[in-house]
Protein backbone atom coordinates (compact mmCIF):
# COMPACT_ATOMS: atom_id res chain seq x y z
CA MET A 1 1.08 57.92 -2.54
CA LEU A 2 -2.34 59.37 -3.94
CA TRP A 3 -1.07 58.02 -7.71
CA LEU A 4 0.09 54.98 -5.78
CA LEU A 5 -3.23 54.19 -4.63
CA ARG A 6 -5.52 54.97 -7.30
CA SER A 7 -3.44 53.69 -9.60
CA ALA A 8 -4.07 50.01 -7.60
CA LEU A 9 -7.84 51.11 -7.19
CA PRO A 10 -8.54 51.41 -10.17
CA ASP A 11 -12.65 52.79 -10.92
CA LEU A 12 -13.90 49.81 -9.64
CA GLU A 13 -17.54 48.35 -9.24
CA VAL A 14 -17.51 46.91 -5.45
CA GLU A 15 -15.27 48.22 -2.33
CA HIS A 16 -11.04 46.74 -3.01
CA LEU A 17 -9.42 47.61 0.03
CA LEU A 18 -5.22 47.96 0.18
CA LEU A 19 -2.56 47.34 2.53
CA ALA A 20 0.49 49.86 2.31
CA GLY A 21 3.50 48.60 4.36
CA PHE A 22 6.78 51.08 4.80
CA ASP A 23 9.65 50.23 6.32
CA ARG A 24 11.57 53.24 8.91
CA LEU A 25 12.76 54.82 6.28
CA ALA A 26 8.86 55.78 4.99
CA ARG A 27 9.64 53.72 1.91
CA VAL A 28 6.94 51.73 0.35
CA ILE A 29 7.50 47.98 0.72
CA PHE A 30 4.67 46.39 -0.56
CA VAL A 31 0.90 47.85 -1.62
CA ALA A 32 -1.44 44.46 -1.47
CA PRO A 33 -4.86 43.54 -1.60
CA LEU A 34 -6.44 42.76 1.75
CA GLY A 35 -10.03 42.58 0.58
CA HIS A 36 -13.24 43.41 -1.21
CA GLY A 37 -16.57 43.63 -1.23
CA SER A 38 -20.12 44.92 -2.32
CA GLN A 39 -20.80 48.65 -3.24
CA ARG A 40 -21.49 49.45 -0.12
CA SER A 41 -18.79 47.09 2.37
CA VAL A 42 -15.52 45.04 2.73
CA ALA A 43 -14.49 42.05 3.86
CA VAL A 44 -11.23 41.61 5.29
CA ASP A 45 -9.27 38.90 4.81
CA GLY A 46 -7.37 38.04 8.65
CA ARG A 47 -5.02 35.84 7.56
CA ARG A 48 -3.47 37.95 4.26
CA LEU A 49 -3.52 41.02 7.53
CA PHE A 50 -1.74 38.94 9.18
CA ALA A 51 0.74 37.50 6.62
CA LEU A 52 1.75 41.34 5.62
CA LEU A 53 2.04 42.32 9.01
CA ALA A 54 4.66 39.77 9.40
CA THR A 55 6.85 41.19 6.65
CA PRO A 56 10.63 42.33 7.74
CA GLY A 57 10.97 45.65 8.39
CA LEU A 58 7.87 46.44 8.31
CA ALA A 59 7.33 49.50 10.77
CA ALA A 60 4.16 51.04 9.34
CA ILE A 61 0.83 50.79 7.18
CA MET A 62 -1.35 53.28 5.47
CA LEU A 63 -5.02 51.31 4.28
CA ALA A 64 -6.76 52.88 1.34
CA HIS A 65 -9.94 51.95 0.00
CA ASN A 66 -12.82 53.13 -2.92
CA HIS A 67 -15.98 53.93 -2.64
CA PRO A 68 -18.02 53.30 -5.85
CA SER A 69 -20.46 55.39 -4.45
CA GLY A 70 -18.55 58.53 -5.12
CA ASP A 71 -19.17 59.71 -1.71
CA PRO A 72 -15.71 59.70 -0.22
CA GLN A 73 -17.24 59.80 3.61
CA PRO A 74 -16.19 56.87 6.16
CA SER A 75 -19.30 54.84 7.06
CA HIS A 76 -19.64 54.03 10.93
CA GLY A 77 -18.40 50.32 9.12
CA ASP A 78 -14.63 51.65 7.53
CA ILE A 79 -14.20 53.99 11.19
CA ALA A 80 -14.82 51.22 13.39
CA LEU A 81 -12.93 48.28 10.62
CA THR A 82 -9.84 50.85 11.06
CA GLY A 83 -10.01 50.92 14.67
CA ARG A 84 -10.12 47.10 14.91
CA ILE A 85 -7.07 46.70 12.24
CA ALA A 86 -5.13 49.80 13.84
CA GLY A 87 -5.33 47.49 16.82
CA ILE A 88 -3.97 44.57 15.43
CA ALA A 89 -1.57 46.97 14.15
CA ALA A 90 -0.58 48.71 17.73
CA PHE A 91 -0.15 45.23 18.78
CA ALA A 92 2.38 44.13 16.95
CA ASP A 93 4.00 47.77 16.87
CA ILE A 94 2.93 48.38 13.71
CA GLY A 95 2.10 52.29 13.22
CA LEU A 96 -1.15 53.20 11.04
CA ILE A 97 -0.60 55.86 9.08
CA ASP A 98 -3.99 57.07 7.79
CA HIS A 99 -6.69 55.24 6.02
CA ILE A 100 -7.36 57.23 2.86
CA ILE A 101 -10.96 56.64 1.18
CA LEU A 102 -10.94 57.09 -2.61
CA THR A 103 -13.73 58.43 -5.40
CA ARG A 104 -12.73 59.03 -8.64
CA ASP A 105 -12.81 62.99 -7.98
CA ASP A 106 -11.74 62.98 -4.47
CA HIS A 107 -10.48 60.73 -1.17
CA VAL A 108 -11.09 61.75 2.16
CA SER A 109 -7.72 61.10 5.31
CA PHE A 110 -9.26 59.29 8.18
CA ARG A 111 -6.05 61.54 10.11
CA THR A 112 -7.36 64.43 8.17
CA LEU A 113 -10.38 64.14 9.80
CA SER A 114 -9.18 63.19 13.51
CA LEU A 115 -10.56 60.14 13.05
CA LEU A 116 -6.58 58.18 14.07
């Protein structure tokens, strides 16, 4: 999955957030942009989030975004945003698999860090 996310997030100067959607058999349904921002933060398009969560057959999602700084560690804002999206997804009975932060040379998983 990392190769797919990396290919969708080329080396960018600002943060971009992606949402990947999966069916009950863990097959990828979509990988779609969810927002973009500055070098240190990302803004989410809430209407787009709700539209993507309404995709027929959607059972789980994964978030991914880049850190242009090269530091893959999640910020307080990253953690808060993930919590808000996890709550919205849970309300729709959609699981959150992980949130991956990618840099040019590294990545960090919220699940591995026990943040989910």
